[in-house]
mmCIF file of all heavy atoms, coordinates in Angstrom:
data_MODEL
# 
_entry.id   MODEL 
# 
loop_
_atom_site.group_PDB 
_atom_site.id 
_atom_site.type_symbol 
_atom_site.label_atom_id 
_atom_site.label_alt_id 
_atom_site.label_comp_id 
_atom_site.label_asym_id 
_atom_site.label_entity_id 
_atom_site.label_seq_id 
_atom_site.pdbx_PDB_ins_code 
_atom_site.Cartn_x 
_atom_site.Cartn_y 
_atom_site.Cartn_z 
_atom_site.occupancy 
_atom_site.B_iso_or_equiv 
_atom_site.pdbx_formal_charge 
_atom_site.auth_seq_id 
_atom_site.auth_comp_id 
_atom_site.auth_asym_id 
_atom_site.auth_atom_id 
_atom_site.pdbx_PDB_model_num 
ATOM 1   N N   . ILE A 1 1  ? -54.827 -17.216 129.903 1.00 0.00 ? 1  ILE A N   1 
ATOM 2   C CA  . ILE A 1 1  ? -55.704 -16.990 131.063 1.00 0.00 ? 1  ILE A CA  1 
ATOM 3   C C   . ILE A 1 1  ? -57.051 -16.436 130.611 1.00 0.00 ? 1  ILE A C   1 
ATOM 4   O O   . ILE A 1 1  ? -58.113 -16.860 131.087 1.00 0.00 ? 1  ILE A O   1 
ATOM 5   C CB  . ILE A 1 1  ? -55.022 -16.029 132.049 1.00 0.00 ? 1  ILE A CB  1 
ATOM 6   C CG1 . ILE A 1 1  ? -53.830 -16.707 132.717 1.00 0.00 ? 1  ILE A CG1 1 
ATOM 7   C CG2 . ILE A 1 1  ? -56.019 -15.555 133.116 1.00 0.00 ? 1  ILE A CG2 1 
ATOM 8   C CD1 . ILE A 1 1  ? -52.938 -15.758 133.486 1.00 0.00 ? 1  ILE A CD1 1 
ATOM 9   N N   . ALA A 1 2  ? -57.036 -15.491 129.676 1.00 0.00 ? 2  ALA A N   1 
ATOM 10  C CA  . ALA A 1 2  ? -58.289 -14.909 129.186 1.00 0.00 ? 2  ALA A CA  1 
ATOM 11  C C   . ALA A 1 2  ? -59.178 -15.959 128.538 1.00 0.00 ? 2  ALA A C   1 
ATOM 12  O O   . ALA A 1 2  ? -60.408 -15.941 128.695 1.00 0.00 ? 2  ALA A O   1 
ATOM 13  C CB  . ALA A 1 2  ? -57.982 -13.789 128.191 1.00 0.00 ? 2  ALA A CB  1 
ATOM 14  N N   . LEU A 1 3  ? -58.563 -16.900 127.824 1.00 0.00 ? 3  LEU A N   1 
ATOM 15  C CA  . LEU A 1 3  ? -59.331 -17.922 127.115 1.00 0.00 ? 3  LEU A CA  1 
ATOM 16  C C   . LEU A 1 3  ? -59.851 -19.012 128.049 1.00 0.00 ? 3  LEU A C   1 
ATOM 17  O O   . LEU A 1 3  ? -60.922 -19.586 127.808 1.00 0.00 ? 3  LEU A O   1 
ATOM 18  C CB  . LEU A 1 3  ? -58.473 -18.562 126.021 1.00 0.00 ? 3  LEU A CB  1 
ATOM 19  C CG  . LEU A 1 3  ? -58.136 -17.672 124.818 1.00 0.00 ? 3  LEU A CG  1 
ATOM 20  C CD1 . LEU A 1 3  ? -57.137 -18.359 123.898 1.00 0.00 ? 3  LEU A CD1 1 
ATOM 21  C CD2 . LEU A 1 3  ? -59.412 -17.327 124.047 1.00 0.00 ? 3  LEU A CD2 1 
ATOM 22  N N   . THR A 1 4  ? -59.119 -19.321 129.117 1.00 0.00 ? 4  THR A N   1 
ATOM 23  C CA  . THR A 1 4  ? -59.486 -20.459 129.973 1.00 0.00 ? 4  THR A CA  1 
ATOM 24  C C   . THR A 1 4  ? -60.166 -20.055 131.284 1.00 0.00 ? 4  THR A C   1 
ATOM 25  O O   . THR A 1 4  ? -61.097 -20.736 131.741 1.00 0.00 ? 4  THR A O   1 
ATOM 26  C CB  . THR A 1 4  ? -58.230 -21.292 130.303 1.00 0.00 ? 4  THR A CB  1 
ATOM 27  O OG1 . THR A 1 4  ? -57.245 -20.445 130.918 1.00 0.00 ? 4  THR A OG1 1 
ATOM 28  C CG2 . THR A 1 4  ? -57.644 -21.904 129.032 1.00 0.00 ? 4  THR A CG2 1 
ATOM 29  N N   . LEU A 1 5  ? -59.699 -18.982 131.907 1.00 0.00 ? 5  LEU A N   1 
ATOM 30  C CA  . LEU A 1 5  ? -60.220 -18.586 133.221 1.00 0.00 ? 5  LEU A CA  1 
ATOM 31  C C   . LEU A 1 5  ? -61.051 -17.314 133.192 1.00 0.00 ? 5  LEU A C   1 
ATOM 32  O O   . LEU A 1 5  ? -61.829 -17.058 134.112 1.00 0.00 ? 5  LEU A O   1 
ATOM 33  C CB  . LEU A 1 5  ? -59.057 -18.409 134.212 1.00 0.00 ? 5  LEU A CB  1 
ATOM 34  C CG  . LEU A 1 5  ? -58.203 -19.653 134.473 1.00 0.00 ? 5  LEU A CG  1 
ATOM 35  C CD1 . LEU A 1 5  ? -56.986 -19.294 135.321 1.00 0.00 ? 5  LEU A CD1 1 
ATOM 36  C CD2 . LEU A 1 5  ? -59.025 -20.737 135.161 1.00 0.00 ? 5  LEU A CD2 1 
ATOM 37  N N   . GLY A 1 6  ? -60.856 -16.501 132.156 1.00 0.00 ? 6  GLY A N   1 
ATOM 38  C CA  . GLY A 1 6  ? -61.613 -15.264 132.045 1.00 0.00 ? 6  GLY A CA  1 
ATOM 39  C C   . GLY A 1 6  ? -60.934 -14.083 132.719 1.00 0.00 ? 6  GLY A C   1 
ATOM 40  O O   . GLY A 1 6  ? -59.993 -14.249 133.503 1.00 0.00 ? 6  GLY A O   1 
ATOM 41  N N   . ARG A 1 7  ? -61.404 -12.896 132.414 1.00 0.00 ? 7  ARG A N   1 
ATOM 42  C CA  . ARG A 1 7  ? -60.780 -11.674 132.919 1.00 0.00 ? 7  ARG A CA  1 
ATOM 43  C C   . ARG A 1 7  ? -61.214 -11.308 134.328 1.00 0.00 ? 7  ARG A C   1 
ATOM 44  O O   . ARG A 1 7  ? -60.781 -10.286 134.859 1.00 0.00 ? 7  ARG A O   1 
ATOM 45  C CB  . ARG A 1 7  ? -61.086 -10.519 131.966 1.00 0.00 ? 7  ARG A CB  1 
ATOM 46  C CG  . ARG A 1 7  ? -60.496 -10.719 130.582 1.00 0.00 ? 7  ARG A CG  1 
ATOM 47  C CD  . ARG A 1 7  ? -60.556 -9.456  129.769 1.00 0.00 ? 7  ARG A CD  1 
ATOM 48  N NE  . ARG A 1 7  ? -59.943 -9.640  128.464 1.00 0.00 ? 7  ARG A NE  1 
ATOM 49  C CZ  . ARG A 1 7  ? -59.680 -8.657  127.612 1.00 0.00 ? 7  ARG A CZ  1 
ATOM 50  N NH1 . ARG A 1 7  ? -60.005 -7.411  127.938 1.00 0.00 ? 7  ARG A NH1 1 
ATOM 51  N NH2 . ARG A 1 7  ? -59.128 -8.903  126.440 1.00 0.00 ? 7  ARG A NH2 1 
ATOM 52  N N   . GLU A 1 8  ? -62.067 -12.109 134.936 1.00 0.00 ? 8  GLU A N   1 
ATOM 53  C CA  . GLU A 1 8  ? -62.467 -11.858 136.319 1.00 0.00 ? 8  GLU A CA  1 
ATOM 54  C C   . GLU A 1 8  ? -61.599 -12.630 137.308 1.00 0.00 ? 8  GLU A C   1 
ATOM 55  O O   . GLU A 1 8  ? -61.678 -12.406 138.511 1.00 0.00 ? 8  GLU A O   1 
ATOM 56  C CB  . GLU A 1 8  ? -63.940 -12.244 136.526 1.00 0.00 ? 8  GLU A CB  1 
ATOM 57  C CG  . GLU A 1 8  ? -64.919 -11.517 135.607 1.00 0.00 ? 8  GLU A CG  1 
ATOM 58  C CD  . GLU A 1 8  ? -64.847 -10.015 135.789 1.00 0.00 ? 8  GLU A CD  1 
ATOM 59  O OE1 . GLU A 1 8  ? -64.751 -9.563  136.945 1.00 0.00 ? 8  GLU A OE1 1 
ATOM 60  O OE2 . GLU A 1 8  ? -64.883 -9.297  134.774 1.00 0.00 ? 8  GLU A OE2 1 
ATOM 61  N N   . HIS A 1 9  ? -60.774 -13.545 136.802 1.00 0.00 ? 9  HIS A N   1 
ATOM 62  C CA  . HIS A 1 9  ? -59.974 -14.388 137.680 1.00 0.00 ? 9  HIS A CA  1 
ATOM 63  C C   . HIS A 1 9  ? -58.798 -13.608 138.252 1.00 0.00 ? 9  HIS A C   1 
ATOM 64  O O   . HIS A 1 9  ? -58.286 -12.671 137.640 1.00 0.00 ? 9  HIS A O   1 
ATOM 65  C CB  . HIS A 1 9  ? -59.457 -15.608 136.904 1.00 0.00 ? 9  HIS A CB  1 
ATOM 66  C CG  . HIS A 1 9  ? -58.955 -16.712 137.781 1.00 0.00 ? 9  HIS A CG  1 
ATOM 67  N ND1 . HIS A 1 9  ? -57.657 -16.783 138.234 1.00 0.00 ? 9  HIS A ND1 1 
ATOM 68  C CD2 . HIS A 1 9  ? -59.594 -17.792 138.313 1.00 0.00 ? 9  HIS A CD2 1 
ATOM 69  C CE1 . HIS A 1 9  ? -57.521 -17.859 138.991 1.00 0.00 ? 9  HIS A CE1 1 
ATOM 70  N NE2 . HIS A 1 9  ? -58.674 -18.493 139.054 1.00 0.00 ? 9  HIS A NE2 1 
ATOM 71  N N   . VAL A 1 10 ? -58.362 -14.017 139.446 1.00 0.00 ? 10 VAL A N   1 
ATOM 72  C CA  . VAL A 1 10 ? -57.266 -13.320 140.115 1.00 0.00 ? 10 VAL A CA  1 
ATOM 73  C C   . VAL A 1 10 ? -55.975 -13.381 139.300 1.00 0.00 ? 10 VAL A C   1 
ATOM 74  O O   . VAL A 1 10 ? -55.166 -12.439 139.323 1.00 0.00 ? 10 VAL A O   1 
ATOM 75  C CB  . VAL A 1 10 ? -57.048 -13.891 141.537 1.00 0.00 ? 10 VAL A CB  1 
ATOM 76  C CG1 . VAL A 1 10 ? -56.509 -15.320 141.473 1.00 0.00 ? 10 VAL A CG1 1 
ATOM 77  C CG2 . VAL A 1 10 ? -56.085 -13.004 142.332 1.00 0.00 ? 10 VAL A CG2 1 
ATOM 78  N N   . LEU A 1 11 ? -55.756 -14.453 138.548 1.00 0.00 ? 11 LEU A N   1 
ATOM 79  C CA  . LEU A 1 11 ? -54.535 -14.543 137.742 1.00 0.00 ? 11 LEU A CA  1 
ATOM 80  C C   . LEU A 1 11 ? -54.524 -13.474 136.645 1.00 0.00 ? 11 LEU A C   1 
ATOM 81  O O   . LEU A 1 11 ? -53.463 -12.934 136.307 1.00 0.00 ? 11 LEU A O   1 
ATOM 82  C CB  . LEU A 1 11 ? -54.394 -15.938 137.128 1.00 0.00 ? 11 LEU A CB  1 
ATOM 83  C CG  . LEU A 1 11 ? -54.012 -17.057 138.096 1.00 0.00 ? 11 LEU A CG  1 
ATOM 84  C CD1 . LEU A 1 11 ? -53.967 -18.394 137.372 1.00 0.00 ? 11 LEU A CD1 1 
ATOM 85  C CD2 . LEU A 1 11 ? -52.665 -16.775 138.761 1.00 0.00 ? 11 LEU A CD2 1 
ATOM 86  N N   . TRP A 1 12 ? -55.675 -13.165 136.081 1.00 0.00 ? 12 TRP A N   1 
ATOM 87  C CA  . TRP A 1 12 ? -55.726 -12.078 135.093 1.00 0.00 ? 12 TRP A CA  1 
ATOM 88  C C   . TRP A 1 12 ? -55.403 -10.741 135.770 1.00 0.00 ? 12 TRP A C   1 
ATOM 89  O O   . TRP A 1 12 ? -54.658 -9.934  135.221 1.00 0.00 ? 12 TRP A O   1 
ATOM 90  C CB  . TRP A 1 12 ? -57.102 -12.007 134.434 1.00 0.00 ? 12 TRP A CB  1 
ATOM 91  C CG  . TRP A 1 12 ? -57.216 -10.813 133.521 1.00 0.00 ? 12 TRP A CG  1 
ATOM 92  C CD1 . TRP A 1 12 ? -57.681 -9.571  133.829 1.00 0.00 ? 12 TRP A CD1 1 
ATOM 93  C CD2 . TRP A 1 12 ? -56.782 -10.734 132.164 1.00 0.00 ? 12 TRP A CD2 1 
ATOM 94  N NE1 . TRP A 1 12 ? -57.592 -8.721  132.761 1.00 0.00 ? 12 TRP A NE1 1 
ATOM 95  C CE2 . TRP A 1 12 ? -57.038 -9.407  131.711 1.00 0.00 ? 12 TRP A CE2 1 
ATOM 96  C CE3 . TRP A 1 12 ? -56.220 -11.650 131.277 1.00 0.00 ? 12 TRP A CE3 1 
ATOM 97  C CZ2 . TRP A 1 12 ? -56.745 -8.992  130.423 1.00 0.00 ? 12 TRP A CZ2 1 
ATOM 98  C CZ3 . TRP A 1 12 ? -55.928 -11.223 129.983 1.00 0.00 ? 12 TRP A CZ3 1 
ATOM 99  C CH2 . TRP A 1 12 ? -56.186 -9.908  129.574 1.00 0.00 ? 12 TRP A CH2 1 
ATOM 100 N N   . GLU A 1 13 ? -55.977 -10.519 136.948 1.00 0.00 ? 13 GLU A N   1 
ATOM 101 C CA  . GLU A 1 13 ? -55.692 -9.281  137.678 1.00 0.00 ? 13 GLU A CA  1 
ATOM 102 C C   . GLU A 1 13 ? -54.197 -9.159  137.993 1.00 0.00 ? 13 GLU A C   1 
ATOM 103 O O   . GLU A 1 13 ? -53.608 -8.083  137.847 1.00 0.00 ? 13 GLU A O   1 
ATOM 104 C CB  . GLU A 1 13 ? -56.496 -9.241  138.983 1.00 0.00 ? 13 GLU A CB  1 
ATOM 105 C CG  . GLU A 1 13 ? -57.996 -9.110  138.786 1.00 0.00 ? 13 GLU A CG  1 
ATOM 106 C CD  . GLU A 1 13 ? -58.730 -9.057  140.105 1.00 0.00 ? 13 GLU A CD  1 
ATOM 107 O OE1 . GLU A 1 13 ? -58.146 -9.489  141.134 1.00 0.00 ? 13 GLU A OE1 1 
ATOM 108 O OE2 . GLU A 1 13 ? -59.879 -8.586  140.141 1.00 0.00 ? 13 GLU A OE2 1 
ATOM 109 N N   . ILE A 1 14 ? -53.595 -10.270 138.425 1.00 0.00 ? 14 ILE A N   1 
ATOM 110 C CA  . ILE A 1 14 ? -52.165 -10.266 138.744 1.00 0.00 ? 14 ILE A CA  1 
ATOM 111 C C   . ILE A 1 14 ? -51.353 -9.937  137.493 1.00 0.00 ? 14 ILE A C   1 
ATOM 112 O O   . ILE A 1 14 ? -50.466 -9.063  137.521 1.00 0.00 ? 14 ILE A O   1 
ATOM 113 C CB  . ILE A 1 14 ? -51.742 -11.632 139.319 1.00 0.00 ? 14 ILE A CB  1 
ATOM 114 C CG1 . ILE A 1 14 ? -52.344 -11.841 140.713 1.00 0.00 ? 14 ILE A CG1 1 
ATOM 115 C CG2 . ILE A 1 14 ? -50.216 -11.755 139.373 1.00 0.00 ? 14 ILE A CG2 1 
ATOM 116 C CD1 . ILE A 1 14 ? -52.180 -13.257 141.238 1.00 0.00 ? 14 ILE A CD1 1 
ATOM 117 N N   . GLY A 1 15 ? -51.628 -10.636 136.404 1.00 0.00 ? 15 GLY A N   1 
ATOM 118 C CA  . GLY A 1 15 ? -50.858 -10.425 135.177 1.00 0.00 ? 15 GLY A CA  1 
ATOM 119 C C   . GLY A 1 15 ? -51.015 -9.025  134.622 1.00 0.00 ? 15 GLY A C   1 
ATOM 120 O O   . GLY A 1 15 ? -50.036 -8.395  134.190 1.00 0.00 ? 15 GLY A O   1 
ATOM 121 N N   . ALA A 1 16 ? -52.247 -8.513  134.626 1.00 0.00 ? 16 ALA A N   1 
ATOM 122 C CA  . ALA A 1 16 ? -52.487 -7.173  134.091 1.00 0.00 ? 16 ALA A CA  1 
ATOM 123 C C   . ALA A 1 16 ? -51.815 -6.106  134.948 1.00 0.00 ? 16 ALA A C   1 
ATOM 124 O O   . ALA A 1 16 ? -51.196 -5.162  134.429 1.00 0.00 ? 16 ALA A O   1 
ATOM 125 C CB  . ALA A 1 16 ? -53.995 -6.917  134.009 1.00 0.00 ? 16 ALA A CB  1 
ATOM 126 N N   . PHE A 1 17 ? -51.901 -6.255  136.267 1.00 0.00 ? 17 PHE A N   1 
ATOM 127 C CA  . PHE A 1 17 ? -51.311 -5.246  137.156 1.00 0.00 ? 17 PHE A CA  1 
ATOM 128 C C   . PHE A 1 17 ? -49.795 -5.212  137.038 1.00 0.00 ? 17 PHE A C   1 
ATOM 129 O O   . PHE A 1 17 ? -49.189 -4.148  136.900 1.00 0.00 ? 17 PHE A O   1 
ATOM 130 C CB  . PHE A 1 17 ? -51.720 -5.523  138.604 1.00 0.00 ? 17 PHE A CB  1 
ATOM 131 C CG  . PHE A 1 17 ? -51.063 -4.614  139.599 1.00 0.00 ? 17 PHE A CG  1 
ATOM 132 C CD1 . PHE A 1 17 ? -51.349 -3.255  139.613 1.00 0.00 ? 17 PHE A CD1 1 
ATOM 133 C CD2 . PHE A 1 17 ? -50.145 -5.106  140.515 1.00 0.00 ? 17 PHE A CD2 1 
ATOM 134 C CE1 . PHE A 1 17 ? -50.739 -2.403  140.529 1.00 0.00 ? 17 PHE A CE1 1 
ATOM 135 C CE2 . PHE A 1 17 ? -49.535 -4.269  141.437 1.00 0.00 ? 17 PHE A CE2 1 
ATOM 136 C CZ  . PHE A 1 17 ? -49.832 -2.915  141.438 1.00 0.00 ? 17 PHE A CZ  1 
ATOM 137 N N   . PHE A 1 18 ? -49.159 -6.380  137.076 1.00 0.00 ? 18 PHE A N   1 
ATOM 138 C CA  . PHE A 1 18 ? -47.699 -6.392  137.044 1.00 0.00 ? 18 PHE A CA  1 
ATOM 139 C C   . PHE A 1 18 ? -47.146 -6.124  135.642 1.00 0.00 ? 18 PHE A C   1 
ATOM 140 O O   . PHE A 1 18 ? -45.997 -5.697  135.506 1.00 0.00 ? 18 PHE A O   1 
ATOM 141 C CB  . PHE A 1 18 ? -47.161 -7.690  137.626 1.00 0.00 ? 18 PHE A CB  1 
ATOM 142 C CG  . PHE A 1 18 ? -47.278 -7.746  139.125 1.00 0.00 ? 18 PHE A CG  1 
ATOM 143 C CD1 . PHE A 1 18 ? -48.193 -8.587  139.738 1.00 0.00 ? 18 PHE A CD1 1 
ATOM 144 C CD2 . PHE A 1 18 ? -46.510 -6.927  139.919 1.00 0.00 ? 18 PHE A CD2 1 
ATOM 145 C CE1 . PHE A 1 18 ? -48.321 -8.616  141.119 1.00 0.00 ? 18 PHE A CE1 1 
ATOM 146 C CE2 . PHE A 1 18 ? -46.628 -6.937  141.305 1.00 0.00 ? 18 PHE A CE2 1 
ATOM 147 C CZ  . PHE A 1 18 ? -47.545 -7.784  141.900 1.00 0.00 ? 18 PHE A CZ  1 
ATOM 148 N N   . SER A 1 19 ? -47.947 -6.341  134.613 1.00 0.00 ? 19 SER A N   1 
ATOM 149 C CA  . SER A 1 19 ? -47.547 -5.906  133.264 1.00 0.00 ? 19 SER A CA  1 
ATOM 150 C C   . SER A 1 19 ? -47.509 -4.382  133.197 1.00 0.00 ? 19 SER A C   1 
ATOM 151 O O   . SER A 1 19 ? -46.580 -3.794  132.626 1.00 0.00 ? 19 SER A O   1 
ATOM 152 C CB  . SER A 1 19 ? -48.524 -6.446  132.215 1.00 0.00 ? 19 SER A CB  1 
ATOM 153 O OG  . SER A 1 19 ? -48.419 -7.849  132.093 1.00 0.00 ? 19 SER A OG  1 
ATOM 154 N N   . GLN A 1 20 ? -48.514 -3.743  133.783 1.00 0.00 ? 20 GLN A N   1 
ATOM 155 C CA  . GLN A 1 20 ? -48.525 -2.277  133.850 1.00 0.00 ? 20 GLN A CA  1 
ATOM 156 C C   . GLN A 1 20 ? -47.333 -1.773  134.650 1.00 0.00 ? 20 GLN A C   1 
ATOM 157 O O   . GLN A 1 20 ? -46.653 -0.812  134.254 1.00 0.00 ? 20 GLN A O   1 
ATOM 158 C CB  . GLN A 1 20 ? -49.811 -1.807  134.502 1.00 0.00 ? 20 GLN A CB  1 
ATOM 159 C CG  . GLN A 1 20 ? -49.845 -0.311  134.817 1.00 0.00 ? 20 GLN A CG  1 
ATOM 160 C CD  . GLN A 1 20 ? -50.973 0.055   135.769 1.00 0.00 ? 20 GLN A CD  1 
ATOM 161 O OE1 . GLN A 1 20 ? -52.038 -0.551  135.756 1.00 0.00 ? 20 GLN A OE1 1 
ATOM 162 N NE2 . GLN A 1 20 ? -50.738 1.044   136.612 1.00 0.00 ? 20 GLN A NE2 1 
ATOM 163 N N   . LEU A 1 21 ? -47.040 -2.449  135.759 1.00 0.00 ? 21 LEU A N   1 
ATOM 164 C CA  . LEU A 1 21 ? -45.936 -2.038  136.605 1.00 0.00 ? 21 LEU A CA  1 
ATOM 165 C C   . LEU A 1 21 ? -44.602 -2.138  135.863 1.00 0.00 ? 21 LEU A C   1 
ATOM 166 O O   . LEU A 1 21 ? -43.708 -1.304  136.052 1.00 0.00 ? 21 LEU A O   1 
ATOM 167 C CB  . LEU A 1 21 ? -45.901 -2.915  137.855 1.00 0.00 ? 21 LEU A CB  1 
ATOM 168 C CG  . LEU A 1 21 ? -45.285 -2.314  139.118 1.00 0.00 ? 21 LEU A CG  1 
ATOM 169 C CD1 . LEU A 1 21 ? -46.147 -1.165  139.625 1.00 0.00 ? 21 LEU A CD1 1 
ATOM 170 C CD2 . LEU A 1 21 ? -45.145 -3.376  140.202 1.00 0.00 ? 21 LEU A CD2 1 
ATOM 171 N N   . ALA A 1 22 ? -44.462 -3.153  135.011 1.00 0.00 ? 22 ALA A N   1 
ATOM 172 C CA  . ALA A 1 22 ? -43.209 -3.359  134.284 1.00 0.00 ? 22 ALA A CA  1 
ATOM 173 C C   . ALA A 1 22 ? -42.903 -2.207  133.337 1.00 0.00 ? 22 ALA A C   1 
ATOM 174 O O   . ALA A 1 22 ? -41.740 -1.948  133.023 1.00 0.00 ? 22 ALA A O   1 
ATOM 175 C CB  . ALA A 1 22 ? -43.277 -4.673  133.501 1.00 0.00 ? 22 ALA A CB  1 
ATOM 176 N N   . ILE A 1 23 ? -43.937 -1.505  132.888 1.00 0.00 ? 23 ILE A N   1 
ATOM 177 C CA  . ILE A 1 23 ? -43.741 -0.412  131.929 1.00 0.00 ? 23 ILE A CA  1 
ATOM 178 C C   . ILE A 1 23 ? -43.283 0.860   132.624 1.00 0.00 ? 23 ILE A C   1 
ATOM 179 O O   . ILE A 1 23 ? -42.570 1.677   132.036 1.00 0.00 ? 23 ILE A O   1 
ATOM 180 C CB  . ILE A 1 23 ? -45.054 -0.149  131.157 1.00 0.00 ? 23 ILE A CB  1 
ATOM 181 C CG1 . ILE A 1 23 ? -45.452 -1.398  130.368 1.00 0.00 ? 23 ILE A CG1 1 
ATOM 182 C CG2 . ILE A 1 23 ? -44.910 1.040   130.218 1.00 0.00 ? 23 ILE A CG2 1 
ATOM 183 C CD1 . ILE A 1 23 ? -46.808 -1.287  129.714 1.00 0.00 ? 23 ILE A CD1 1 
ATOM 184 N N   . VAL A 1 24 ? -43.636 1.035   133.893 1.00 0.00 ? 24 VAL A N   1 
ATOM 185 C CA  . VAL A 1 24 ? -43.351 2.298   134.576 1.00 0.00 ? 24 VAL A CA  1 
ATOM 186 C C   . VAL A 1 24 ? -42.336 2.127   135.709 1.00 0.00 ? 24 VAL A C   1 
ATOM 187 O O   . VAL A 1 24 ? -42.202 3.004   136.556 1.00 0.00 ? 24 VAL A O   1 
ATOM 188 C CB  . VAL A 1 24 ? -44.643 2.932   135.142 1.00 0.00 ? 24 VAL A CB  1 
ATOM 189 C CG1 . VAL A 1 24 ? -45.579 3.315   134.022 1.00 0.00 ? 24 VAL A CG1 1 
ATOM 190 C CG2 . VAL A 1 24 ? -45.347 1.980   136.114 1.00 0.00 ? 24 VAL A CG2 1 
ATOM 191 N N   . THR A 1 25 ? -41.600 1.001   135.713 1.00 0.00 ? 25 THR A N   1 
ATOM 192 C CA  . THR A 1 25 ? -40.639 0.753   136.786 1.00 0.00 ? 25 THR A CA  1 
ATOM 193 C C   . THR A 1 25 ? -39.328 1.475   136.505 1.00 0.00 ? 25 THR A C   1 
ATOM 194 O O   . THR A 1 25 ? -38.300 0.847   136.255 1.00 0.00 ? 25 THR A O   1 
ATOM 195 C CB  . THR A 1 25 ? -40.389 -0.762  136.967 1.00 0.00 ? 25 THR A CB  1 
ATOM 196 O OG1 . THR A 1 25 ? -41.621 -1.438  137.000 1.00 0.00 ? 25 THR A OG1 1 
ATOM 197 C CG2 . THR A 1 25 ? -39.654 -1.039  138.272 1.00 0.00 ? 25 THR A CG2 1 
ATOM 198 N N   . PHE A 1 26 ? -39.346 2.805   136.513 1.00 0.00 ? 26 PHE A N   1 
ATOM 199 C CA  . PHE A 1 26 ? -38.131 3.596   136.400 1.00 0.00 ? 26 PHE A CA  1 
ATOM 200 C C   . PHE A 1 26 ? -37.603 3.877   137.805 1.00 0.00 ? 26 PHE A C   1 
ATOM 201 O O   . PHE A 1 26 ? -38.370 4.060   138.736 1.00 0.00 ? 26 PHE A O   1 
ATOM 202 C CB  . PHE A 1 26 ? -38.405 4.930   135.702 1.00 0.00 ? 26 PHE A CB  1 
ATOM 203 C CG  . PHE A 1 26 ? -38.777 4.788   134.259 1.00 0.00 ? 26 PHE A CG  1 
ATOM 204 C CD1 . PHE A 1 26 ? -40.110 4.688   133.886 1.00 0.00 ? 26 PHE A CD1 1 
ATOM 205 C CD2 . PHE A 1 26 ? -37.815 4.742   133.272 1.00 0.00 ? 26 PHE A CD2 1 
ATOM 206 C CE1 . PHE A 1 26 ? -40.474 4.570   132.561 1.00 0.00 ? 26 PHE A CE1 1 
ATOM 207 C CE2 . PHE A 1 26 ? -38.168 4.620   131.942 1.00 0.00 ? 26 PHE A CE2 1 
ATOM 208 C CZ  . PHE A 1 26 ? -39.502 4.529   131.581 1.00 0.00 ? 26 PHE A CZ  1 
ATOM 209 N N   . GLY A 1 27 ? -36.275 3.928   137.940 1.00 0.00 ? 27 GLY A N   1 
ATOM 210 C CA  . GLY A 1 27 ? -35.688 4.333   139.210 1.00 0.00 ? 27 GLY A CA  1 
ATOM 211 C C   . GLY A 1 27 ? -35.512 3.217   140.212 1.00 0.00 ? 27 GLY A C   1 
ATOM 212 O O   . GLY A 1 27 ? -35.211 3.474   141.364 1.00 0.00 ? 27 GLY A O   1 
# 
């Protein structure tokens, strides 16, 4: 996504946000 659409695209925002969420999903 970074190489083809760039970091401003909604898909980058989605991937980055849910990657962060995956690290802190305790409980």
